[in-house]
Each structure stands twice: as structure tokens, then as C-alpha cells.
Protein backbone atom coordinates (compact mmCIF):
# COMPACT_ATOMS: atom_id res chain seq x y z
CA MET A 1 -61.44 -85.78 -101.25
CA GLU A 2 -63.08 -86.13 -97.85
CA GLU A 3 -64.46 -82.91 -96.40
CA LYS A 4 -63.68 -82.16 -92.79
CA THR A 5 -66.13 -80.17 -90.73
CA PHE A 6 -66.36 -78.88 -87.19
CA THR A 7 -69.06 -77.31 -85.09
CA VAL A 8 -68.70 -74.03 -83.21
CA VAL A 9 -70.99 -72.99 -80.39
CA ASP A 10 -71.25 -69.20 -80.23
CA ASP A 11 -71.85 -67.00 -77.18
CA GLN A 12 -75.62 -67.50 -77.46
CA GLY A 13 -75.29 -71.29 -77.54
CA VAL A 14 -76.08 -71.53 -81.26
CA GLU A 15 -74.23 -74.30 -83.10
CA LYS A 16 -72.77 -73.51 -86.52
CA GLU A 17 -71.02 -75.98 -88.78
CA PHE A 18 -67.97 -75.00 -90.80
CA GLU A 19 -65.89 -76.75 -93.44
CA VAL A 20 -62.12 -76.93 -92.97
CA VAL A 21 -60.16 -75.51 -95.91
CA LEU A 22 -56.69 -75.91 -94.44
CA THR A 23 -54.94 -76.56 -91.14
CA PHE A 24 -51.25 -76.00 -90.47
CA ASN A 25 -48.68 -75.19 -87.79
CA SER A 26 -46.50 -72.10 -87.91
CA GLU A 27 -43.05 -72.53 -86.42
CA ASP A 28 -42.54 -68.75 -86.64
CA PHE A 29 -45.49 -68.08 -84.33
CA GLY A 30 -45.52 -71.40 -82.49
CA LYS A 31 -49.24 -71.87 -83.08
CA SER A 32 -51.68 -74.03 -85.02
CA TYR A 33 -54.11 -72.38 -87.42
CA VAL A 34 -57.30 -73.36 -89.19
CA ILE A 35 -58.71 -71.71 -92.31
CA TYR A 36 -62.40 -72.50 -92.74
CA LYS A 37 -65.60 -71.52 -94.53
CA MET A 38 -69.35 -71.98 -94.35
CA PRO A 39 -70.38 -75.14 -96.23
CA ASP A 40 -72.12 -74.47 -99.55
CA ASP A 41 -71.33 -70.74 -99.36
CA GLU A 42 -71.17 -69.42 -102.92
CA SER A 43 -69.14 -66.35 -101.90
CA GLU A 44 -66.12 -68.54 -101.02
CA GLU A 45 -65.45 -66.24 -98.05
CA VAL A 46 -62.95 -67.84 -95.69
CA PHE A 47 -62.20 -67.30 -92.03
CA ALA A 48 -59.07 -68.01 -90.01
CA ALA A 49 -58.35 -68.64 -86.36
CA ILE A 50 -55.69 -69.92 -84.03
CA PHE A 51 -56.56 -73.47 -83.03
CA ASP A 52 -55.72 -74.33 -79.43
CA GLU A 53 -55.79 -78.11 -79.55
CA ASN A 54 -54.88 -78.40 -75.87
CA ALA A 55 -58.24 -77.04 -74.71
CA LYS A 56 -60.04 -79.61 -72.57
CA ASP A 57 -63.33 -79.36 -74.51
CA GLY A 58 -61.84 -80.75 -77.71
CA GLY A 59 -60.34 -77.60 -79.14
CA ASN A 60 -60.70 -73.88 -78.94
CA LEU A 61 -60.63 -71.22 -81.67
CA VAL A 62 -58.81 -68.02 -80.76
CA GLN A 63 -59.14 -64.81 -82.72
CA VAL A 64 -56.09 -63.74 -84.75
CA GLU A 65 -55.18 -60.21 -83.71
CA SER A 66 -51.71 -59.40 -85.03
CA GLU A 67 -51.18 -57.98 -88.49
CA GLU A 68 -48.08 -60.16 -88.91
CA GLU A 69 -50.18 -63.30 -88.40
CA TRP A 70 -52.87 -62.10 -90.84
CA ASN A 71 -50.18 -61.44 -93.48
CA MET A 72 -48.74 -64.93 -92.96
CA LEU A 73 -52.23 -66.50 -93.18
CA GLU A 74 -52.93 -64.69 -96.46
CA GLU A 75 -49.65 -65.93 -97.93
CA VAL A 76 -50.31 -69.52 -96.85
CA LEU A 77 -53.85 -69.44 -98.25
CA GLU A 78 -52.71 -67.96 -101.57
CA SER A 79 -50.01 -70.65 -101.90
CA PHE A 80 -52.54 -73.36 -101.07
CA LEU A 81 -55.06 -72.05 -103.63
CA ASP A 82 -52.36 -71.79 -106.30
CA GLU A 83 -51.58 -75.49 -105.77
CA GLU A 84 -55.24 -76.55 -105.97
């Protein structure tokens, strides 16, 4: 399986590379999401964000703020991991 990665530039201009775990669209929320992790991280901690693919710089990650979206993300991730 080919690993997909992306680079994020933080507020201080530092580049960090992340590995994509899962991407999907939610019709309920009308948004695209990405679940990702640090490559080679033994803790298996994952992160999630809204992915705004219409941003002119190639894509923009937006923080998830609603509890309903976090609950949906947890359910999607659990289903994905069960299938793995």
C-alpha cells in the first residue's frame, strides 16, 4: 500500500510532514476531512482536520470545533480500523 504524506507549515514557518490515514467527505456536514498521524510515531496518535481543497495554496486544514463533528470522526475512524 502506498503511503500518502503532506507537509504543513505552522505559524512559525516550520514544515512538518504527516502521513494520511484516511480522507473522506461527509454529506451530513458538507465538508472533506483528513485523519493523519506523524510518520513513524509509535504512539499511533492520530489527528483530524477539515480539509478545504478549494484554498488557492493547494489546500488548507481547518480545525474541527463542533462536538458533533468529533463524534462523527471517531465513528468513521473506528469503522476504518475495524476493517483494516
